[in-house]
Amino acid sequence: MPMLPADTLKGEVAIITGGGTGLGRSMALEFSKLGAKIVLASRNAEHLEPTIAELNNSGGDAIAVVTDIRDPAQVDNMIQKTKEKFGTVDILVNNAAGTFICKAEDMSPNGWRAVVDIVLNGTFFCSRAAGREMIATGRGGKILNVLATYCWTGGPGTAHSAAAKAGVLAMTRTLAVEWAQHKIRVNAITPGRVETEGAGSKLWGTPEARAKMLAQIPVGRMGKPEEIARGASFLVSPYADYVNGENLTMDGGAWLGKGFLAYQ
């Protein structure tokens, strides 16, 4: 995806949950580069501080707000701190998530609730709080949710996360219709396998595992964090003002390569 002009998000205020590491960090850096003021939220301050320093040292304007998105009171505080610092909320990226691989028959009630609480409930609490502010100001805004392809394809060991992410997809489309009258656009992105710090050692730590994983991606490589960030930037930018209720999948065609004909 081509680079957007440097002032594309000038004057916009963006909240990114789970924003200190991984794709959240990449989106924060890209949004800041395009002129946005950044609020990063996470339960752990140590996850936020290095990225906040990086943003501010490179000429950006960013703050951290320690927030457990499962707690509506903390989410409301996140919105209030954003308003106190920057005056408004223009963009919300619901990036915070949590999951683990577990067979459905072995999953504990607490394990199920933990993932659903972060992914589904947390996304709703943040969307509701930001949406209320966007409606109250009359300025509207943009909300971007982060999904996973297994929420529509299914995936062994992901019953909790797939169900929660599927709920977020339904929420995305519902809010897109409900809040369009308030000039609020709600979309989603679905990243595929991306080169992020720590992922390799956990998921494809051996050459054999990596080769097997790459064989499942039609373009033959993993994505780059900046590629995902550029897609996200487009959807929250004025260039996508007529895009609402959509999901942009960026996985190199991996989920499409599941046909019954083995042509390779």
Protein backbone atom coordinates (compact mmCIF):
# COMPACT_ATOMS: atom_id res chain seq x y z
CA MET A 1 0.00 0.00 0.00
CA PRO A 2 1.47 3.42 -0.96
CA MET A 3 2.49 5.91 1.69
CA LEU A 4 -0.13 8.51 2.59
CA PRO A 5 0.80 12.22 2.60
CA ALA A 6 2.62 13.31 5.76
CA ASP A 7 -0.24 15.52 6.99
CA THR A 8 -3.04 12.99 6.38
CA LEU A 9 -3.92 12.72 10.09
CA LYS A 10 -2.75 16.18 11.16
CA GLY A 11 -4.70 17.40 14.19
CA GLU A 12 -6.36 14.03 14.79
CA VAL A 13 -6.24 12.41 18.23
CA ALA A 14 -5.91 8.62 18.18
CA ILE A 15 -6.31 6.17 21.06
CA ILE A 16 -4.70 2.77 20.49
CA THR A 17 -5.33 0.03 23.04
CA GLY A 18 -2.62 -2.56 23.46
CA GLY A 19 -0.53 0.09 21.79
CA GLY A 20 2.91 -0.31 23.32
CA THR A 21 4.13 -3.38 21.47
CA GLY A 22 3.66 -5.35 18.27
CA LEU A 23 1.12 -4.09 15.76
CA GLY A 24 -0.16 -1.48 18.21
CA ARG A 25 3.29 0.10 18.31
CA SER A 26 3.56 0.02 14.53
CA MET A 27 0.19 1.73 14.13
CA ALA A 28 1.13 4.34 16.72
CA LEU A 29 4.37 5.15 14.87
CA GLU A 30 2.58 5.35 11.51
CA PHE A 31 -0.30 7.49 12.79
CA SER A 32 2.17 9.83 14.49
CA LYS A 33 4.21 10.10 11.30
CA LEU A 34 1.00 11.19 9.55
CA GLY A 35 0.42 13.95 12.10
CA ALA A 36 -1.85 12.37 14.72
CA LYS A 37 -1.53 12.89 18.45
CA ILE A 38 -1.34 9.52 20.18
CA VAL A 39 -2.77 8.00 23.36
CA LEU A 40 -1.50 4.52 24.13
CA ALA A 41 -3.39 2.32 26.57
CA SER A 42 -2.33 -0.94 28.20
CA ARG A 43 -2.60 -2.65 31.56
CA ASN A 44 1.19 -2.51 31.94
CA ALA A 45 3.02 0.81 32.03
CA GLU A 46 6.30 -0.88 31.10
CA HIS A 47 4.77 -1.88 27.76
CA LEU A 48 3.91 1.74 27.00
CA GLU A 49 6.90 3.76 28.14
CA PRO A 50 9.46 2.81 25.43
CA THR A 51 7.01 3.52 22.60
CA ILE A 52 5.87 6.80 24.17
CA ALA A 53 9.51 7.88 24.43
CA GLU A 54 10.14 6.84 20.83
CA LEU A 55 7.14 8.82 19.60
CA ASN A 56 7.97 11.98 21.52
CA ASN A 57 11.69 11.83 20.73
CA SER A 58 10.87 11.69 17.02
CA GLY A 59 8.78 14.86 17.16
CA GLY A 60 5.40 13.34 17.94
CA ASP A 61 2.98 14.12 20.75
CA ALA A 62 1.99 11.07 22.79
CA ILE A 63 0.87 10.07 26.26
CA ALA A 64 0.28 6.77 28.03
CA VAL A 65 -2.80 5.91 30.06
CA VAL A 66 -2.64 2.67 32.03
CA THR A 67 -6.01 1.03 31.37
CA ASP A 68 -7.61 -2.35 31.91
CA ILE A 69 -10.21 -2.31 29.13
CA ARG A 70 -12.27 -4.92 30.98
CA ASP A 71 -13.16 -2.23 33.54
CA PRO A 72 -15.63 0.39 32.21
CA ALA A 73 -14.52 2.90 34.86
CA GLN A 74 -10.90 2.66 33.69
CA VAL A 75 -12.04 3.02 30.08
CA ASP A 76 -13.96 6.18 30.99
CA ASN A 77 -10.81 7.47 32.70
CA MET A 78 -8.85 6.79 29.49
CA ILE A 79 -11.28 8.97 27.54
CA GLN A 80 -11.16 11.69 30.21
CA LYS A 81 -7.34 11.75 30.27
CA THR A 82 -7.34 12.01 26.47
CA LYS A 83 -9.71 14.98 26.57
CA GLU A 84 -7.68 16.69 29.30
CA LYS A 85 -4.50 16.44 27.25
CA PHE A 86 -5.71 16.81 23.67
CA GLY A 87 -9.30 18.07 23.91
CA THR A 88 -11.07 15.41 21.86
CA VAL A 89 -11.10 11.84 20.53
CA ASP A 90 -11.07 11.36 16.75
CA ILE A 91 -9.79 7.79 16.30
CA LEU A 92 -10.04 4.63 18.39
CA VAL A 93 -8.14 1.47 17.50
CA ASN A 94 -9.32 -1.56 19.48
CA ASN A 95 -6.10 -3.54 19.30
CA ALA A 96 -5.85 -5.00 22.82
CA ALA A 97 -6.44 -8.76 22.91
CA GLY A 98 -5.48 -11.92 24.68
CA THR A 99 -5.65 -15.59 23.83
CA PHE A 100 -4.05 -18.99 24.31
CA ILE A 101 -4.31 -22.29 22.47
CA CYS A 102 -6.54 -24.80 24.20
CA LYS A 103 -8.84 -27.64 23.17
CA ALA A 104 -12.46 -26.72 23.79
CA GLU A 105 -13.03 -29.77 26.01
CA ASP A 106 -10.10 -28.75 28.20
CA MET A 107 -10.95 -25.06 28.50
CA SER A 108 -11.85 -23.80 31.96
CA PRO A 109 -14.72 -21.37 32.52
CA ASN A 110 -12.21 -18.81 33.77
CA GLY A 111 -10.07 -19.23 30.64
CA TRP A 112 -13.12 -18.70 28.44
CA ARG A 113 -14.26 -15.64 30.39
CA ALA A 114 -10.78 -14.08 30.43
CA VAL A 115 -10.47 -14.00 26.64
CA VAL A 116 -14.08 -13.00 25.96
CA ASP A 117 -13.82 -10.26 28.59
CA ILE A 118 -10.77 -8.67 26.95
CA VAL A 119 -11.60 -9.19 23.29
CA LEU A 120 -15.36 -8.74 23.15
CA ASN A 121 -16.36 -6.86 26.28
CA GLY A 122 -13.27 -4.64 26.27
CA THR A 123 -13.80 -3.70 22.64
CA PHE A 124 -17.41 -2.77 23.38
CA PHE A 125 -16.56 -0.74 26.49
CA CYS A 126 -13.93 1.25 24.56
CA SER A 127 -16.18 1.71 21.54
CA ARG A 128 -19.09 2.86 23.69
CA ALA A 129 -16.97 5.36 25.62
CA ALA A 130 -15.29 6.78 22.52
CA GLY A 131 -18.55 6.72 20.58
CA ARG A 132 -20.33 8.72 23.25
CA GLU A 133 -17.62 11.37 23.09
CA MET A 134 -17.67 11.47 19.29
CA ILE A 135 -21.46 11.84 19.32
CA ALA A 136 -21.39 14.53 22.02
CA THR A 137 -18.90 16.73 20.16
CA GLY A 138 -20.71 16.38 16.85
CA ARG A 139 -17.33 15.86 15.13
CA GLY A 140 -17.82 12.18 14.51
CA GLY A 141 -14.80 9.90 14.33
CA LYS A 142 -13.31 6.59 13.26
CA ILE A 143 -13.21 3.28 15.10
CA LEU A 144 -11.01 0.44 13.89
CA ASN A 145 -11.19 -3.09 15.30
CA VAL A 146 -8.53 -5.77 14.94
CA LEU A 147 -9.77 -9.26 14.03
CA ALA A 148 -8.31 -12.68 13.16
CA THR A 149 -9.25 -14.83 10.16
CA TYR A 150 -10.20 -17.77 12.38
CA CYS A 151 -13.22 -15.78 13.54
CA TRP A 152 -14.88 -16.77 10.24
CA THR A 153 -12.85 -19.80 9.16
CA GLY A 154 -12.60 -21.45 12.57
CA GLY A 155 -9.37 -22.71 14.04
CA PRO A 156 -8.54 -25.61 16.38
CA GLY A 157 -7.77 -24.45 19.89
CA THR A 158 -9.29 -21.00 19.42
CA ALA A 159 -12.96 -21.48 20.35
CA HIS A 160 -12.83 -18.69 22.94
CA SER A 161 -10.93 -16.20 20.80
CA ALA A 162 -12.75 -17.08 17.56
CA ALA A 163 -16.13 -16.60 19.21
CA ALA A 164 -15.06 -13.29 20.75
CA LYS A 165 -13.52 -11.97 17.51
CA ALA A 166 -16.62 -13.05 15.57
CA GLY A 167 -18.61 -10.99 18.03
CA VAL A 168 -16.34 -8.03 17.33
CA LEU A 169 -16.91 -8.46 13.58
CA ALA A 170 -20.68 -8.40 14.16
CA MET A 171 -20.27 -5.38 16.43
CA THR A 172 -18.21 -3.61 13.77
CA ARG A 173 -20.96 -3.91 11.20
CA THR A 174 -23.75 -3.11 13.64
CA LEU A 175 -22.10 0.06 14.96
CA ALA A 176 -21.19 1.08 11.40
CA VAL A 177 -24.89 1.22 10.59
CA GLU A 178 -26.06 2.57 13.94
CA TRP A 179 -23.49 5.36 14.24
CA ALA A 180 -23.16 6.46 10.62
CA GLN A 181 -25.77 9.15 11.33
CA HIS A 182 -23.29 10.60 13.85
CA LYS A 183 -20.45 10.72 11.28
CA ILE A 184 -18.72 7.79 12.95
CA ARG A 185 -17.20 5.17 10.65
CA VAL A 186 -16.48 1.71 12.08
CA ASN A 187 -14.24 -0.73 10.22
CA ALA A 188 -11.89 -3.62 10.93
CA ILE A 189 -8.56 -5.03 9.84
CA THR A 190 -7.49 -8.65 9.92
CA PRO A 191 -3.73 -9.13 9.93
CA GLY A 192 -2.29 -12.48 8.95
CA ARG A 193 1.07 -13.83 10.06
CA VAL A 194 3.32 -10.86 10.70
CA GLU A 195 6.97 -10.54 11.67
CA THR A 196 6.64 -9.16 15.20
CA GLU A 197 9.07 -9.41 18.08
CA GLY A 198 8.70 -12.65 20.00
CA ALA A 199 6.27 -14.33 17.61
CA GLY A 200 8.87 -16.54 15.93
CA SER A 201 10.14 -18.17 19.08
CA LYS A 202 6.60 -19.10 20.10
CA LEU A 203 4.93 -20.14 16.86
CA TRP A 204 7.56 -20.96 14.20
CA GLY A 205 10.79 -21.22 16.10
CA THR A 206 12.39 -23.91 13.92
CA PRO A 207 13.31 -23.71 10.21
CA GLU A 208 10.97 -26.63 9.53
CA ALA A 209 8.03 -24.96 11.28
CA ARG A 210 8.70 -21.69 9.49
CA ALA A 211 8.89 -23.36 6.08
CA LYS A 212 5.60 -25.17 6.71
CA MET A 213 3.95 -21.92 7.78
CA LEU A 214 5.24 -19.97 4.76
CA ALA A 215 3.96 -22.70 2.41
CA GLN A 216 0.45 -21.82 3.58
CA ILE A 217 0.77 -18.19 2.43
CA PRO A 218 0.24 -17.73 -1.34
CA VAL A 219 2.58 -14.72 -1.54
CA GLY A 220 5.30 -16.81 0.11
CA ARG A 221 6.24 -14.52 2.97
CA MET A 222 5.02 -13.07 6.24
CA GLY A 223 3.71 -9.55 6.49
CA LYS A 224 5.61 -6.58 7.85
CA PRO A 225 4.20 -4.56 10.76
CA GLU A 226 4.44 -1.36 8.73
CA GLU A 227 2.27 -2.91 6.00
CA ILE A 228 -0.50 -3.55 8.52
CA ALA A 229 -0.07 -0.04 9.93
CA ARG A 230 -0.45 1.50 6.47
CA GLY A 231 -3.69 -0.39 5.89
CA ALA A 232 -4.97 0.80 9.26
CA SER A 233 -3.92 4.37 8.45
CA PHE A 234 -5.90 4.31 5.23
CA LEU A 235 -9.09 3.17 6.96
CA VAL A 236 -8.96 5.93 9.60
CA SER A 237 -7.98 8.59 7.05
CA PRO A 238 -10.14 10.90 4.90
CA TYR A 239 -9.20 8.72 1.91
CA ALA A 240 -11.60 6.09 3.29
CA ASP A 241 -14.48 8.42 4.14
CA TYR A 242 -16.91 6.26 2.12
CA VAL A 243 -15.73 2.99 3.66
CA ASN A 244 -17.93 1.86 6.54
CA GLY A 245 -18.57 -1.53 8.12
CA GLU A 246 -15.81 -3.23 6.13
CA ASN A 247 -12.98 -5.59 7.04
CA LEU A 248 -9.61 -5.31 5.32
CA THR A 249 -7.81 -8.67 5.43
CA MET A 250 -4.03 -8.42 5.09
CA ASP A 251 -2.68 -11.98 5.16
CA GLY A 252 -1.07 -12.52 1.77
CA GLY A 253 -4.10 -14.55 0.69
CA ALA A 254 -3.51 -17.22 3.34
CA TRP A 255 -7.13 -17.74 4.31
CA LEU A 256 -8.13 -18.03 0.65
CA GLY A 257 -5.66 -20.84 0.00
CA LYS A 258 -7.82 -23.43 1.71
CA GLY A 259 -9.48 -24.92 -1.36
CA PHE A 260 -9.87 -28.65 -1.93
CA LEU A 261 -7.70 -28.68 -5.05
CA ALA A 262 -4.02 -29.16 -4.24
CA TYR A 263 -2.56 -27.39 -7.27
CA GLN A 264 0.93 -26.89 -5.80
